Protein backbone atom coordinates (compact mmCIF):
# COMPACT_ATOMS: atom_id res chain seq x y z
CA MET A 1 27.39 -66.33 32.52
CA GLU A 2 24.11 -67.27 30.36
CA PRO A 3 24.21 -70.40 28.41
CA ARG A 4 24.71 -69.89 24.68
CA PHE A 5 22.19 -72.13 23.25
CA ASN A 6 19.94 -74.91 24.73
CA LEU A 7 20.88 -78.07 22.81
CA LEU A 8 17.39 -79.53 23.55
CA ASP A 9 16.07 -76.31 21.47
CA SER A 10 17.54 -78.29 18.42
CA PRO A 11 15.30 -81.68 17.46
CA THR A 12 18.98 -83.29 16.26
CA ALA A 13 20.93 -81.91 19.28
CA ALA A 14 18.04 -83.07 21.74
CA LYS A 15 18.04 -86.70 20.51
CA ILE A 16 21.68 -86.87 20.93
CA SER A 17 21.49 -85.32 24.61
CA ARG A 18 18.82 -88.15 25.49
CA ARG A 19 21.04 -90.74 24.07
CA LEU A 20 23.80 -90.01 25.76
CA ALA A 21 21.70 -89.66 28.99
CA SER A 22 20.67 -93.26 28.24
CA VAL A 23 24.00 -94.58 27.96
CA SER A 24 24.98 -92.83 31.12
CA GLN A 25 22.23 -94.85 32.82
CA VAL A 26 23.93 -98.26 31.56
CA LEU A 27 27.59 -96.77 33.16
CA GLU A 28 25.17 -96.37 36.46
CA GLU A 29 24.47 -99.94 36.01
CA SER A 30 27.86 -100.97 35.76
CA PRO A 31 30.08 -103.15 37.99
CA LEU A 32 32.32 -100.16 38.71
CA PRO A 33 31.73 -98.33 41.87
CA LYS A 34 29.29 -95.43 41.89
CA ASN A 35 31.94 -93.30 43.61
CA LEU A 36 34.83 -94.05 41.79
CA ARG A 37 32.52 -93.29 38.84
CA GLU A 38 32.04 -89.94 40.10
CA LEU A 39 35.49 -89.40 41.18
CA VAL A 40 37.00 -90.27 37.70
CA GLN A 41 34.05 -88.23 36.27
CA LEU A 42 35.11 -85.25 38.27
CA ARG A 43 38.59 -85.29 37.78
CA VAL A 44 38.15 -85.19 33.61
CA SER A 45 35.53 -82.32 34.59
CA GLN A 46 38.05 -80.30 36.12
CA ILE A 47 40.70 -80.84 33.33
CA ASN A 48 38.14 -79.64 30.78
CA GLY A 49 37.15 -76.96 33.15
CA CYS A 50 33.10 -77.59 32.91
CA GLY A 51 31.66 -75.59 35.90
CA PHE A 52 28.29 -77.80 35.40
CA CYS A 53 30.06 -81.19 34.96
CA VAL A 54 32.36 -80.01 38.31
CA ASP A 55 29.22 -79.33 40.02
CA ALA A 56 27.45 -82.75 39.05
CA HIS A 57 29.91 -84.61 39.87
CA ALA A 58 30.96 -83.37 43.25
CA LYS A 59 27.59 -83.41 44.13
CA ASP A 60 26.58 -87.13 42.61
CA ALA A 61 30.14 -88.27 44.43
CA ASP A 62 28.71 -86.63 47.89
CA ALA A 63 25.61 -87.99 47.21
CA ALA A 64 26.85 -91.53 46.57
CA GLY A 65 28.82 -91.01 50.07
CA GLU A 66 32.15 -89.86 49.15
CA THR A 67 33.77 -87.57 51.65
CA ALA A 68 34.51 -84.27 51.27
CA LEU A 69 38.05 -84.61 51.73
CA ARG A 70 38.58 -87.37 49.04
CA ILE A 71 36.16 -84.64 46.71
CA ASN A 72 38.32 -81.47 47.34
CA LEU A 73 41.53 -83.47 46.96
CA VAL A 74 40.90 -85.30 43.42
CA ALA A 75 42.03 -82.25 41.73
CA ALA A 76 45.45 -83.12 43.02
CA TRP A 77 45.09 -86.93 43.57
CA ARG A 78 48.92 -87.43 42.86
CA HIS A 79 49.93 -85.76 45.88
CA THR A 80 47.55 -87.31 48.36
CA THR A 81 47.38 -90.61 50.69
CA VAL A 82 43.53 -90.72 50.54
CA PHE A 83 43.52 -92.48 47.18
CA THR A 84 43.84 -96.45 46.91
CA GLU A 85 46.18 -97.83 44.16
CA ALA A 86 43.22 -98.95 42.36
CA GLU A 87 41.61 -95.50 42.56
CA ARG A 88 44.65 -94.10 41.40
CA ALA A 89 45.37 -96.13 38.50
CA ALA A 90 41.90 -94.98 37.26
CA LEU A 91 42.48 -91.80 37.92
CA ALA A 92 45.73 -91.72 36.22
CA LEU A 93 43.42 -92.97 33.32
CA ALA A 94 41.46 -90.53 33.66
CA GLU A 95 43.65 -87.97 32.84
CA GLU A 96 45.80 -89.47 30.27
CA GLY A 97 42.46 -90.04 28.05
CA THR A 98 41.36 -86.57 28.75
CA ARG A 99 44.82 -85.52 27.15
CA LEU A 100 44.99 -87.56 24.76
CA GLY A 101 47.23 -84.91 23.01
CA ASP A 102 50.03 -84.78 25.62
CA GLN A 103 51.04 -88.73 25.53
CA GLY A 104 47.98 -90.41 25.40
CA VAL A 105 47.62 -93.69 27.69
CA ARG A 106 50.67 -94.42 28.70
CA ASP A 107 51.75 -98.43 28.82
CA GLU A 108 52.49 -98.06 32.60
CA THR A 109 48.75 -96.28 33.09
CA TRP A 110 47.38 -99.35 31.30
CA ALA A 111 49.02 -102.04 33.21
CA ALA A 112 48.13 -100.40 36.39
CA VAL A 113 44.60 -100.36 35.34
CA ARG A 114 45.13 -103.94 34.08
CA LYS A 115 46.14 -105.20 37.39
CA HIS A 116 43.26 -103.57 39.46
CA TYR A 117 40.20 -104.08 37.32
CA ASP A 118 38.46 -106.41 35.17
CA ASP A 119 37.43 -106.58 31.84
CA ASP A 120 33.73 -105.27 32.21
CA GLN A 121 35.42 -102.76 34.66
CA ILE A 122 38.07 -101.52 32.28
CA GLY A 123 35.41 -101.33 29.50
CA THR A 124 33.41 -99.24 31.72
CA LEU A 125 36.08 -96.92 32.72
CA VAL A 126 37.15 -96.51 28.73
CA CYS A 127 33.70 -95.41 28.28
CA LEU A 128 32.98 -93.61 31.19
CA VAL A 129 36.26 -91.14 30.48
CA SER A 130 34.98 -91.02 26.70
CA LEU A 131 31.57 -90.01 27.44
CA ILE A 132 32.35 -87.56 30.37
CA ASN A 133 34.81 -86.02 27.79
CA ALA A 134 31.72 -85.50 25.43
CA GLY A 135 29.60 -84.30 28.20
CA SER A 136 32.20 -81.97 29.30
CA ARG A 137 33.12 -80.32 26.14
CA LEU A 138 29.49 -79.86 25.13
CA ASN A 139 28.90 -77.66 28.35
CA VAL A 140 31.95 -75.81 27.72
CA ILE A 141 31.24 -74.97 24.35
CA LEU A 142 27.62 -73.46 25.52
CA HIS A 143 29.04 -71.55 28.70
CA ASN A 144 26.78 -73.80 30.59
CA PRO A 145 27.45 -72.78 34.12
CA GLY A 146 27.82 -74.64 37.26
CA GLY A 147 25.90 -74.36 40.48
CA SER A 148 22.19 -75.41 39.94
CA TYR A 149 23.09 -79.44 39.64
CA GLU A 150 20.57 -81.54 41.64
CA PRO A 151 21.75 -84.75 41.75
CA GLY A 152 19.58 -87.54 39.79
CA MET A 153 18.85 -84.62 37.08
CA PHE A 154 20.30 -86.76 34.32
CA ALA A 155 18.33 -89.88 35.16
CA ARG A 156 15.23 -87.92 34.65
CA MET A 157 16.52 -86.90 31.42
CA ALA A 158 17.24 -90.48 30.06
CA GLY A 159 13.75 -92.12 31.53
């Protein structure tokens, strides 16, 4: 698969892409653990069918010390025993926040998130889910393929 278009060839899209990368850096500095951020982003990327983002977030999760078992099972997290109650709440928020047209974020999911995370962490989760949805949609529209991501590429773009 060849990409349809390079966003960096468009002055406006290049500015937006750099700003999105800068926002990603703010999320890196958040109080939410890196491995959880990567698992949430991986799940959203899987739902959106974004090969580039699945590649990136699986590799970044691995680089953050996440186990291969948990990375491989995130697609079926509801049917596993390897995620904590707090992680399950975050993954449910990721799924429901991605599939807004189905039912939106249920009150039960929101209550579980409130139970396990403080306000800064919740704000981070909401922004994280929103940002990865934007990123994965950009990559799917443009047919950006997975397989060539190297951990740290986004940080270099923001710099």
